[in-house]
Amino acid sequence: MNETPPTPDSSEIGPYIQVWAETLAAVLGQVAGASFPVQVLTDAPAEAPVREEHDLYLVITASGSIRGEMTLRIPRSAVLGLGQLFMSEPQDPAAEVKPDHPDAVGELVRQVAGQAATAMASRWGEVQLRAEPGPSPTWSVGATGWLGSTAEAPYRFLMEWQLSAALVAALRPSQQTDPVANQVPDSSGETLPASAPGGRMELLLDVELGVTLRFGQKSMRLREILALDAGAVIELDRHIQDPADLLLDGKLIARGEVVVVDGNYGLRVLEVVSSPLPG
């Protein structure tokens, strides 16, 4: 018999879902030009829409310091209402859902994901969240619940969220802080730190890892993206004199200044932010 997934007030997932609620409220408030409170619901409300064929599923993949999947199921009525809101159309629940509406909602969620990843950095470190349309979950569900606007919001909606068991596990306190977890037995049966000669870390030192150089980033509305053409200039959130970021699997590990080495871009490291491997 399957266990019931934990509710969002657990210590592991409560803060994660709350970041989503607060960021969603902030982005919707910017779009609507008014306060747009969003709450986390631990139980399915009585008016919760049942699953239908035309519901929109968005899969959010987390990478970096936490890894796993999250799915948002957005009922057809919410796709229409949020799409109309995002595209500055009059609210008309009797209107037909046009192809632009789910596209607009997808862009809305991508903006929320970008801001949520930034907000999560203070608790979990460098997090990357990628939101794309996808099927209903095929992975093991670790937690489920609802996000919904309150009565004070300009528009009422509900959406269902589900977290994979992998993401729930990743949100738990890391065992890497336990010194015993970082020890491995040597050939004599005694334990050695994983980073010690002959330890497990020794086997990883020649593994090649891909790193990414990030000059800056920017959130854009769907209408701005659709208006892009050759020659368009996108202004990033970084001044030209600011250092560039060096990322390992989405995690910030160093900052430095961009240089040219034999005709190729390079990075002169000015600051090491964190070690990419436990030591």
Protein backbone atom coordinates (compact mmCIF):
# COMPACT_ATOMS: atom_id res chain seq x y z
CA MET A 1 0.00 0.00 0.00
CA ASN A 2 1.44 3.39 -0.99
CA GLU A 3 2.09 5.93 1.75
CA THR A 4 0.27 9.24 1.60
CA PRO A 5 2.64 11.98 0.35
CA PRO A 6 3.63 14.46 3.10
CA THR A 7 1.74 17.73 3.40
CA PRO A 8 3.53 21.01 2.59
CA ASP A 9 3.92 22.04 6.23
CA SER A 10 6.76 19.54 6.67
CA SER A 11 10.14 21.06 7.48
CA GLU A 12 11.63 19.86 4.20
CA ILE A 13 9.14 21.11 1.62
CA GLY A 14 7.22 23.88 3.39
CA PRO A 15 9.83 26.61 2.77
CA TYR A 16 10.27 25.50 -0.86
CA ILE A 17 6.56 25.74 -1.67
CA GLN A 18 6.25 29.01 0.25
CA VAL A 19 8.92 30.56 -1.99
CA TRP A 20 6.82 29.57 -5.00
CA ALA A 21 3.69 31.10 -3.47
CA GLU A 22 5.41 34.38 -2.60
CA THR A 23 7.16 34.66 -5.97
CA LEU A 24 3.97 33.83 -7.88
CA ALA A 25 2.16 36.53 -5.89
CA ALA A 26 4.90 39.06 -6.68
CA VAL A 27 4.94 38.36 -10.43
CA LEU A 28 1.14 38.37 -10.70
CA GLY A 29 1.07 41.61 -8.72
CA GLN A 30 3.43 43.20 -11.23
CA VAL A 31 1.28 41.99 -14.14
CA ALA A 32 -2.02 43.08 -12.59
CA GLY A 33 -0.69 46.30 -11.08
CA ALA A 34 -2.32 45.39 -7.76
CA SER A 35 -1.79 43.22 -4.71
CA PHE A 36 -2.21 39.55 -5.67
CA PRO A 37 -1.98 37.31 -2.56
CA VAL A 38 -1.32 33.60 -3.17
CA GLN A 39 -1.58 30.95 -0.46
CA VAL A 40 -0.41 27.36 0.00
CA LEU A 41 -3.28 24.92 0.61
CA THR A 42 -2.42 21.69 2.42
CA ASP A 43 -5.67 19.97 1.41
CA ALA A 44 -7.60 20.04 -1.84
CA PRO A 45 -10.29 22.73 -1.53
CA ALA A 46 -13.91 21.83 -2.13
CA GLU A 47 -13.91 23.82 -5.39
CA ALA A 48 -10.73 22.18 -6.69
CA PRO A 49 -11.12 21.38 -10.41
CA VAL A 50 -10.93 17.71 -11.32
CA ARG A 51 -8.31 16.56 -13.80
CA GLU A 52 -9.36 17.07 -17.41
CA GLU A 53 -7.84 16.37 -20.79
CA HIS A 54 -7.16 20.04 -21.58
CA ASP A 55 -5.35 20.88 -18.32
CA LEU A 56 -1.91 22.42 -18.78
CA TYR A 57 1.00 20.56 -17.19
CA LEU A 58 4.28 22.40 -16.65
CA VAL A 59 7.33 20.44 -15.48
CA ILE A 60 9.87 22.38 -13.41
CA THR A 61 13.26 20.67 -13.27
CA ALA A 62 15.55 21.71 -10.42
CA SER A 63 19.33 21.41 -10.77
CA GLY A 64 22.33 22.77 -8.93
CA SER A 65 22.31 22.50 -5.14
CA ILE A 66 18.93 20.73 -5.18
CA ARG A 67 17.74 18.29 -7.83
CA GLY A 68 14.38 16.84 -8.77
CA GLU A 69 11.10 17.58 -10.52
CA MET A 70 7.97 19.55 -9.76
CA THR A 71 4.79 19.57 -11.80
CA LEU A 72 2.14 22.28 -11.89
CA ARG A 73 -1.28 21.21 -13.14
CA ILE A 74 -3.13 24.31 -14.27
CA PRO A 75 -6.82 23.68 -14.98
CA ARG A 76 -8.30 24.95 -18.23
CA SER A 77 -10.23 27.73 -16.46
CA ALA A 78 -7.01 29.01 -14.86
CA VAL A 79 -5.14 28.77 -18.19
CA LEU A 80 -7.79 31.05 -19.70
CA GLY A 81 -7.92 33.52 -16.80
CA LEU A 82 -4.17 33.75 -16.20
CA GLY A 83 -3.52 33.90 -19.95
CA GLN A 84 -5.97 36.78 -20.31
CA LEU A 85 -4.38 38.55 -17.35
CA PHE A 86 -0.83 38.13 -18.67
CA MET A 87 -1.83 39.27 -22.16
CA SER A 88 -3.81 42.27 -20.81
CA GLU A 89 -7.08 40.92 -22.16
CA PRO A 90 -10.47 41.48 -20.46
CA GLN A 91 -11.41 38.70 -18.04
CA ASP A 92 -14.02 36.62 -19.87
CA PRO A 93 -14.59 33.10 -18.45
CA ALA A 94 -16.87 32.28 -21.40
CA ALA A 95 -14.15 32.89 -23.99
CA GLU A 96 -12.40 30.10 -25.87
CA VAL A 97 -8.86 29.13 -24.88
CA LYS A 98 -6.57 30.27 -27.69
CA PRO A 99 -3.09 28.81 -28.36
CA ASP A 100 -1.59 32.06 -27.03
CA HIS A 101 -3.11 31.51 -23.59
CA PRO A 102 -1.13 28.38 -22.55
CA ASP A 103 1.99 29.95 -24.12
CA ALA A 104 1.46 33.05 -21.99
CA VAL A 105 0.94 30.96 -18.84
CA GLY A 106 4.10 29.01 -19.63
CA GLU A 107 6.05 32.26 -19.89
CA LEU A 108 4.47 33.47 -16.64
CA VAL A 109 5.66 30.33 -14.83
CA ARG A 110 9.14 30.67 -16.35
CA GLN A 111 9.38 34.20 -14.95
CA VAL A 112 8.23 32.91 -11.56
CA ALA A 113 10.79 30.08 -11.72
CA GLY A 114 13.61 32.51 -12.47
CA GLN A 115 12.75 34.74 -9.52
CA ALA A 116 12.08 31.75 -7.24
CA ALA A 117 15.55 30.34 -8.00
CA THR A 118 17.09 33.66 -6.96
CA ALA A 119 15.03 33.72 -3.75
CA MET A 120 16.09 30.15 -2.90
CA ALA A 121 19.81 30.95 -3.03
CA SER A 122 19.96 32.22 0.55
CA ARG A 123 18.67 28.89 1.90
CA TRP A 124 19.82 26.23 -0.56
CA GLY A 125 22.60 27.89 -2.56
CA GLU A 126 22.73 28.23 -6.34
CA VAL A 127 19.56 26.67 -7.81
CA GLN A 128 18.48 26.45 -11.44
CA LEU A 129 14.77 25.97 -12.25
CA ARG A 130 13.72 25.15 -15.83
CA ALA A 131 10.00 25.19 -16.64
CA GLU A 132 8.67 23.47 -19.77
CA PRO A 133 5.33 21.99 -20.86
CA GLY A 134 5.23 18.26 -20.23
CA PRO A 135 3.05 15.26 -19.43
CA SER A 136 1.49 14.43 -16.09
CA PRO A 137 4.04 13.00 -13.63
CA THR A 138 5.45 9.56 -14.38
CA TRP A 139 7.91 9.67 -11.47
CA SER A 140 7.21 8.76 -7.86
CA VAL A 141 5.30 11.60 -6.17
CA GLY A 142 6.77 12.64 -2.82
CA ALA A 143 4.41 15.49 -1.94
CA THR A 144 1.36 17.22 -3.36
CA GLY A 145 -0.82 20.24 -2.63
CA TRP A 146 -2.42 23.36 -4.10
CA LEU A 147 -1.56 26.99 -4.74
CA GLY A 148 -4.41 29.46 -4.98
CA SER A 149 -5.15 33.15 -4.92
CA THR A 150 -7.06 34.54 -1.95
CA ALA A 151 -10.37 36.38 -1.97
CA GLU A 152 -8.49 39.71 -2.02
CA ALA A 153 -6.77 38.93 -5.36
CA PRO A 154 -8.04 40.50 -8.61
CA TYR A 155 -8.56 37.02 -10.08
CA ARG A 156 -9.30 33.70 -8.34
CA PHE A 157 -7.46 30.58 -9.49
CA LEU A 158 -6.21 27.22 -8.23
CA MET A 159 -3.32 25.09 -9.46
CA GLU A 160 -2.12 21.73 -8.21
CA TRP A 161 1.55 21.03 -7.52
CA GLN A 162 3.40 17.74 -7.12
CA LEU A 163 7.00 17.18 -6.06
CA SER A 164 8.99 14.13 -7.03
CA ALA A 165 10.33 11.91 -4.28
CA ALA A 166 13.83 12.85 -5.47
CA LEU A 167 13.19 16.57 -4.93
CA VAL A 168 11.67 15.96 -1.49
CA ALA A 169 14.79 14.01 -0.55
CA ALA A 170 17.03 16.77 -1.93
CA LEU A 171 15.28 19.34 0.27
CA ARG A 172 16.18 17.46 3.43
CA PRO A 173 19.28 18.62 5.36
CA SER A 174 22.41 17.37 3.60
CA GLN A 175 24.22 14.43 5.14
CA GLN A 176 27.50 15.86 3.87
CA THR A 177 27.81 17.87 7.11
CA ASP A 178 28.09 14.60 9.04
CA PRO A 179 31.81 13.75 9.36
CA VAL A 180 30.96 10.02 9.47
CA ALA A 181 29.21 10.32 6.09
CA ASN A 182 32.43 11.67 4.59
CA GLN A 183 34.53 8.72 5.72
CA VAL A 184 35.30 5.54 3.79
CA PRO A 185 37.12 2.39 4.92
CA ASP A 186 40.68 1.92 3.69
CA SER A 187 42.30 -1.43 2.85
CA SER A 188 42.99 -2.12 6.54
CA GLY A 189 39.35 -1.57 7.52
CA GLU A 190 39.98 1.80 9.18
CA THR A 191 38.02 4.84 8.08
CA LEU A 192 39.57 7.70 6.11
CA PRO A 193 38.08 11.03 5.03
CA ALA A 194 36.74 10.79 1.48
CA SER A 195 39.22 13.48 0.42
CA ALA A 196 42.24 11.69 1.91
CA PRO A 197 44.77 9.86 -0.33
CA GLY A 198 43.38 6.41 -1.02
CA GLY A 199 39.85 7.59 -0.18
CA ARG A 200 36.93 7.70 -2.59
CA MET A 201 37.66 11.31 -3.60
CA GLU A 202 40.99 10.20 -5.06
CA LEU A 203 39.08 8.27 -7.72
CA LEU A 204 37.19 11.39 -8.83
CA LEU A 205 40.03 13.85 -9.30
CA ASP A 206 40.54 13.05 -13.01
CA VAL A 207 36.83 13.21 -13.90
CA GLU A 208 36.13 16.00 -16.43
CA LEU A 209 33.36 18.43 -15.44
CA GLY A 210 31.75 21.09 -17.62
CA VAL A 211 31.78 24.65 -16.28
CA THR A 212 29.78 27.63 -17.54
CA LEU A 213 30.72 31.29 -17.72
CA ARG A 214 27.78 33.61 -16.95
CA PHE A 215 27.94 37.31 -17.85
CA GLY A 216 24.49 38.12 -16.48
CA GLN A 217 20.81 37.32 -16.80
CA LYS A 218 17.46 38.98 -17.42
CA SER A 219 13.75 38.16 -17.07
CA MET A 220 11.68 39.03 -20.15
CA ARG A 221 7.97 39.12 -20.84
CA LEU A 222 6.55 36.92 -23.57
CA ARG A 223 5.75 39.92 -25.76
CA GLU A 224 9.38 41.09 -25.50
CA ILE A 225 10.68 37.66 -26.52
CA LEU A 226 8.32 37.46 -29.46
CA ALA A 227 9.50 40.90 -30.61
CA LEU A 228 13.17 39.82 -30.78
CA ASP A 229 14.84 40.07 -34.17
CA ALA A 230 18.35 40.14 -35.56
CA GLY A 231 20.15 43.20 -34.23
CA ALA A 232 18.11 43.43 -31.03
CA VAL A 233 20.08 44.29 -27.88
CA ILE A 234 19.21 42.65 -24.55
CA GLU A 235 20.47 44.48 -21.47
CA LEU A 236 21.63 42.13 -18.69
CA ASP A 237 21.63 42.78 -14.94
CA ARG A 238 25.43 43.17 -14.85
CA HIS A 239 27.62 46.23 -15.42
CA ILE A 240 30.56 45.83 -17.77
CA GLN A 241 33.05 46.26 -14.90
CA ASP A 242 31.34 43.65 -12.73
CA PRO A 243 32.98 40.20 -12.50
CA ALA A 244 31.58 37.26 -14.45
CA ASP A 245 30.36 34.08 -12.70
CA LEU A 246 31.86 30.62 -13.08
CA LEU A 247 29.23 27.89 -12.57
CA LEU A 248 29.65 24.16 -12.02
CA ASP A 249 26.37 22.31 -12.66
CA GLY A 250 24.51 25.55 -12.01
CA LYS A 251 26.33 26.25 -8.72
CA LEU A 252 28.39 29.42 -8.37
CA ILE A 253 31.99 28.45 -7.55
CA ALA A 254 34.06 31.51 -8.54
CA ARG A 255 34.00 35.05 -9.95
CA GLY A 256 36.55 36.78 -12.12
CA GLU A 257 37.33 39.05 -15.05
CA VAL A 258 36.99 37.98 -18.67
CA VAL A 259 40.25 37.84 -20.63
CA VAL A 260 41.33 36.68 -24.10
CA VAL A 261 43.83 33.81 -24.31
CA ASP A 262 45.15 32.88 -27.78
CA GLY A 263 41.98 34.18 -29.40
CA ASN A 264 39.65 32.38 -26.95
CA TYR A 265 37.68 33.73 -24.02
CA GLY A 266 39.08 33.00 -20.59
CA LEU A 267 38.43 33.88 -16.96
CA ARG A 268 40.99 35.28 -14.54
CA VAL A 269 39.69 34.09 -11.16
CA LEU A 270 39.45 36.90 -8.60
CA GLU A 271 37.32 35.18 -5.96
CA VAL A 272 36.58 31.56 -5.10
CA VAL A 273 33.02 31.50 -3.71
CA SER A 274 32.75 27.85 -2.70
CA SER A 275 34.52 24.56 -3.21
CA PRO A 276 32.86 22.48 -5.95
CA LEU A 277 33.64 19.27 -4.05
CA PRO A 278 33.39 18.43 -0.34
CA GLY A 279 36.71 18.47 1.42
